[in-house]
Amino acid sequence: QVQLVESGGGLVQAGGSLRLSCAASGRTFNTLPLAWFRQAPGKEREFVAGISRVSVNRYYADSVKGRFTISRDNAKNTVYLQMNNLRPEDTAVYYCAAPSKAYSGVGYNSVDYEYWGPGTQVTVSS
C-alpha cells in the first residue's frame, strides 16, 4: 500500500507560480516512479508530468513543457511540481499518483497508476 497526500494548491493570478508537494508513505518510495495528473471540470484526467525512481528521466505534457518542473526527494519521500507562468487553462485539481509495481516505468495514462492522493485545487485567475 502507498498513501499519497498533496499540498500546495491555491488561487494565483495568471503568470504566477505555485509549488505542489506530495508526501508518500507505506512502500519503499525509491522503487516507484511517480506522476502528477490533473482534472478540470467536465474533462478527463490528464497526465502532467512523471519522474523515474532516481530522477534520471522526467516527462512532461506538451502543454506544460518549459513551465512546470517535476522533482523528487527520496530522503523525504516527497515529489514536487514547480509550476511557473501559470495560465487560466491550468486550473484543475492536481493529483499525485504511484503504480503498484516496483521498478516500473513512467506511464502516461491514469490506468497505469493504482495509488492516488485526494488532490489539491489549483485555480488561476486571468
Foldseek 3Di string as FASTA:
>chain_A
DKAKAKDWADEEAAQAKIKMKIAMDDDQLLQWKKFKWWDDPPGDIFTAKIAHSQRPDIDGDPVQPPFWDWDDDSVRRMIMIIGGRDDQVVWTWMKMFIAPDTNDDDDGDPVRTDYIHPTDTHGYHD
